[in-house]
Amino acid sequence: MTLEQIEKASARNLQSALGIIDTSGIIRHLQRCAKRVNIVGSVRTGLLAKHLDIDIHFYTPTLDAAESFKLIGDFAARGDVESANFKDLSYTDEKCFEWHLQYAAADKRKWTFDLIQILEGSKYDGYFESVADKIKSMLTPENKATILSLKFAACDSERICGIEYCAAVLKYGVKTFGEFENWRKKHSIEESLSWF
């Protein structure tokens, strides 16, 4: 793909994501139990590429699995949610429940809602919002184009965290996918997370 094609595809996917957030009512739904519901990740930074996911963090004063299942179950009961997976990380430093919902958009493309319910006041309360905003503040047309090009060059079957691309380009000056592959061999995801 040319850079122009990459930028157009990214912009189109970002617009689709914002449309899905609006038409699905996911923010309003999560607000039934959470005072704070925030978009994070690639949608927040504007770096959405070909991996169609929407990351949302919502914060509650307690982590009650039964209440969380009811909340997400009510949303997942709609016709456009094809599956929902749950992971309990409430006993870890992350103090959260992870939900991953497969969503079929009106245009039939498959999206993932990554919904993370986080305990208020815990270690990662507001952390990823701050990281996304810092990344966004560091973007120039040139490094944004590099990050998007790397994301589009990655193999579809390989799961690479978006923050890895950002750390590689913004901190280490990685320019090509070959350089990025070599960089990943020497740097852990934990290092990428902690840099910001």
Protein backbone atom coordinates (compact mmCIF):
# COMPACT_ATOMS: atom_id res chain seq x y z
CA MET A 1 0.00 0.00 0.00
CA THR A 2 1.11 3.53 -0.67
CA LEU A 3 1.26 6.04 2.15
CA GLU A 4 -1.80 7.79 0.73
CA GLN A 5 -3.74 4.50 0.74
CA ILE A 6 -2.62 3.77 4.30
CA GLU A 7 -3.71 7.19 5.54
CA LYS A 8 -7.07 6.93 3.79
CA ALA A 9 -7.70 3.43 5.17
CA SER A 10 -6.78 4.55 8.67
CA ALA A 11 -9.07 7.60 8.46
CA ARG A 12 -11.91 5.45 7.12
CA ASN A 13 -11.48 2.91 9.93
CA LEU A 14 -11.34 5.65 12.54
CA GLN A 15 -14.58 7.16 11.25
CA SER A 16 -16.18 3.70 11.30
CA ALA A 17 -15.05 3.18 14.90
CA LEU A 18 -16.52 6.50 16.02
CA GLY A 19 -19.76 5.64 14.22
CA ILE A 20 -19.94 2.25 15.94
CA ILE A 21 -19.33 3.82 19.34
CA ASP A 22 -22.19 6.22 18.68
CA THR A 23 -24.75 3.89 17.11
CA SER A 24 -24.10 0.98 19.48
CA GLY A 25 -24.64 3.15 22.54
CA ILE A 26 -21.77 1.38 24.30
CA ILE A 27 -20.68 4.46 26.27
CA ARG A 28 -24.20 5.12 27.55
CA HIS A 29 -24.59 1.45 28.40
CA LEU A 30 -21.41 1.30 30.48
CA GLN A 31 -22.41 4.49 32.26
CA ARG A 32 -25.18 2.48 33.89
CA CYS A 33 -22.60 1.31 36.43
CA ALA A 34 -19.56 3.53 35.85
CA LYS A 35 -19.16 7.24 36.46
CA ARG A 36 -16.14 7.35 34.13
CA VAL A 37 -16.08 5.70 30.72
CA ASN A 38 -13.13 6.57 28.48
CA ILE A 39 -12.02 5.65 24.99
CA VAL A 40 -8.34 4.69 24.98
CA GLY A 41 -5.89 3.04 22.57
CA SER A 42 -5.71 3.62 18.83
CA VAL A 43 -9.10 5.30 18.55
CA ARG A 44 -8.09 7.91 21.14
CA THR A 45 -4.67 8.52 19.55
CA GLY A 46 -5.98 8.48 15.97
CA LEU A 47 -3.60 5.62 15.12
CA LEU A 48 -6.21 3.02 14.21
CA ALA A 49 -4.90 0.88 11.36
CA LYS A 50 -6.20 -2.48 10.11
CA HIS A 51 -6.77 -4.21 13.46
CA LEU A 52 -10.40 -3.28 14.05
CA ASP A 53 -10.69 -2.84 17.79
CA ILE A 54 -12.20 -0.25 20.07
CA ASP A 55 -10.63 0.03 23.52
CA ILE A 56 -12.77 1.40 26.33
CA HIS A 57 -11.93 1.61 30.02
CA PHE A 58 -14.64 2.07 32.63
CA TYR A 59 -14.17 2.56 36.34
CA THR A 60 -16.21 1.24 39.24
CA PRO A 61 -15.78 1.49 43.04
CA THR A 62 -15.89 -2.31 43.35
CA LEU A 63 -15.32 -5.29 41.05
CA ASP A 64 -18.34 -7.54 41.29
CA ALA A 65 -18.30 -10.33 38.69
CA ALA A 66 -22.06 -10.95 38.85
CA GLU A 67 -22.81 -7.27 38.22
CA SER A 68 -20.25 -7.14 35.42
CA PHE A 69 -21.75 -10.22 33.73
CA LYS A 70 -25.20 -8.65 33.94
CA LEU A 71 -23.99 -5.35 32.49
CA ILE A 72 -22.06 -6.87 29.60
CA GLY A 73 -24.62 -9.62 29.09
CA ASP A 74 -27.37 -7.06 28.54
CA PHE A 75 -25.26 -5.36 25.88
CA ALA A 76 -24.14 -8.65 24.30
CA ALA A 77 -27.75 -9.81 23.96
CA ARG A 78 -28.18 -7.48 21.01
CA GLY A 79 -28.09 -9.01 17.54
CA ASP A 80 -24.80 -7.50 16.43
CA VAL A 81 -22.64 -8.93 19.25
CA GLU A 82 -21.48 -12.37 18.14
CA SER A 83 -19.45 -13.46 21.19
CA ALA A 84 -18.14 -12.25 24.53
CA ASN A 85 -15.08 -13.44 26.45
CA PHE A 86 -14.28 -12.63 30.07
CA LYS A 87 -11.02 -12.62 32.02
CA ASP A 88 -10.81 -11.99 35.76
CA LEU A 89 -7.69 -10.01 36.66
CA SER A 90 -9.13 -8.58 39.86
CA TYR A 91 -6.60 -10.52 41.93
CA THR A 92 -3.59 -9.05 40.06
CA ASP A 93 -1.98 -5.60 40.16
CA GLU A 94 -4.24 -4.71 37.23
CA LYS A 95 -7.38 -4.95 39.41
CA CYS A 96 -9.72 -5.33 36.47
CA PHE A 97 -12.15 -7.44 34.51
CA GLU A 98 -11.40 -7.81 30.79
CA TRP A 99 -14.23 -8.22 28.32
CA HIS A 100 -13.67 -8.86 24.61
CA LEU A 101 -16.78 -8.66 22.45
CA GLN A 102 -16.89 -9.57 18.76
CA TYR A 103 -19.15 -7.10 17.03
CA ALA A 104 -20.57 -7.24 13.49
CA ALA A 105 -20.88 -3.73 12.05
CA ALA A 106 -23.61 -2.74 9.61
CA ASP A 107 -21.12 -3.12 6.73
CA LYS A 108 -20.47 -6.72 7.93
CA ARG A 109 -16.91 -6.03 9.04
CA LYS A 110 -15.94 -7.64 12.33
CA TRP A 111 -14.79 -5.42 15.19
CA THR A 112 -13.69 -6.13 18.74
CA PHE A 113 -14.80 -4.14 21.74
CA ASP A 114 -12.03 -4.43 24.35
CA LEU A 115 -13.87 -3.34 27.48
CA ILE A 116 -11.78 -3.14 30.64
CA GLN A 117 -13.55 -2.59 33.95
CA ILE A 118 -10.98 -1.12 36.36
CA LEU A 119 -11.20 -0.62 40.10
CA GLU A 120 -11.26 3.07 40.96
CA GLY A 121 -8.07 4.23 42.66
CA SER A 122 -6.03 1.22 41.58
CA LYS A 123 -2.63 1.28 39.88
CA TYR A 124 -3.94 1.73 36.33
CA ASP A 125 -6.75 4.18 37.11
CA GLY A 126 -6.38 6.76 34.33
CA TYR A 127 -2.99 5.44 33.24
CA PHE A 128 -3.84 4.47 29.67
CA GLU A 129 -5.77 7.67 29.07
CA SER A 130 -2.65 9.59 30.07
CA VAL A 131 -0.46 7.41 27.85
CA ALA A 132 -2.73 7.89 24.84
CA ASP A 133 -2.84 11.65 25.33
CA LYS A 134 0.96 11.81 25.64
CA ILE A 135 1.38 9.78 22.44
CA LYS A 136 -1.09 12.03 20.62
CA SER A 137 0.82 15.13 21.74
CA MET A 138 4.06 13.69 20.31
CA LEU A 139 2.70 12.89 16.86
CA THR A 140 3.93 14.70 13.79
CA PRO A 141 2.75 13.95 10.24
CA GLU A 142 6.00 12.04 9.69
CA ASN A 143 6.04 9.81 12.78
CA LYS A 144 2.29 9.21 12.54
CA ALA A 145 2.80 7.99 8.96
CA THR A 146 5.62 5.71 10.13
CA ILE A 147 3.51 4.17 12.90
CA LEU A 148 0.57 3.58 10.57
CA SER A 149 2.86 2.09 7.89
CA LEU A 150 4.34 -0.35 10.42
CA LYS A 151 0.88 -1.36 11.61
CA PHE A 152 -0.33 -2.02 8.07
CA ALA A 153 2.86 -3.99 7.28
CA ALA A 154 2.40 -6.40 10.19
CA CYS A 155 1.11 -9.90 9.56
CA ASP A 156 -2.62 -10.16 10.28
CA SER A 157 -2.15 -13.23 12.43
CA GLU A 158 0.47 -11.65 14.69
CA ARG A 159 -0.83 -9.82 17.75
CA ILE A 160 1.29 -6.75 18.42
CA CYS A 161 0.25 -4.18 21.01
CA GLY A 162 -0.21 -0.71 19.58
CA ILE A 163 1.97 0.80 22.25
CA GLU A 164 4.93 -1.20 20.92
CA TYR A 165 4.77 0.63 17.59
CA CYS A 166 4.57 3.96 19.40
CA ALA A 167 7.51 3.28 21.69
CA ALA A 168 9.64 1.97 18.82
CA VAL A 169 9.01 5.00 16.62
CA LEU A 170 8.68 7.81 19.15
CA LYS A 171 11.47 6.79 21.54
CA TYR A 172 13.87 4.76 19.41
CA GLY A 173 13.39 6.28 15.96
CA VAL A 174 12.44 3.02 14.21
CA LYS A 175 11.58 3.68 10.55
CA THR A 176 11.10 0.33 8.78
CA PHE A 177 9.31 -2.90 9.56
CA GLY A 178 12.62 -4.79 9.55
CA GLU A 179 13.98 -2.40 12.15
CA PHE A 180 10.77 -2.84 14.13
CA GLU A 181 11.07 -6.65 14.10
CA ASN A 182 14.65 -6.40 15.39
CA TRP A 183 13.59 -3.86 17.99
CA ARG A 184 10.88 -6.18 19.32
CA LYS A 185 13.44 -8.93 19.90
CA LYS A 186 15.30 -6.67 22.33
CA HIS A 187 12.45 -4.83 24.08
CA SER A 188 9.61 -6.19 26.19
CA ILE A 189 6.01 -5.00 26.24
CA GLU A 190 6.56 -3.99 29.87
CA GLU A 191 9.31 -1.61 28.74
CA SER A 192 6.97 -0.06 26.18
CA LEU A 193 4.28 0.40 28.80
CA SER A 194 6.56 1.98 31.35
CA TRP A 195 8.24 4.44 29.01
CA PHE A 196 5.17 6.67 28.80
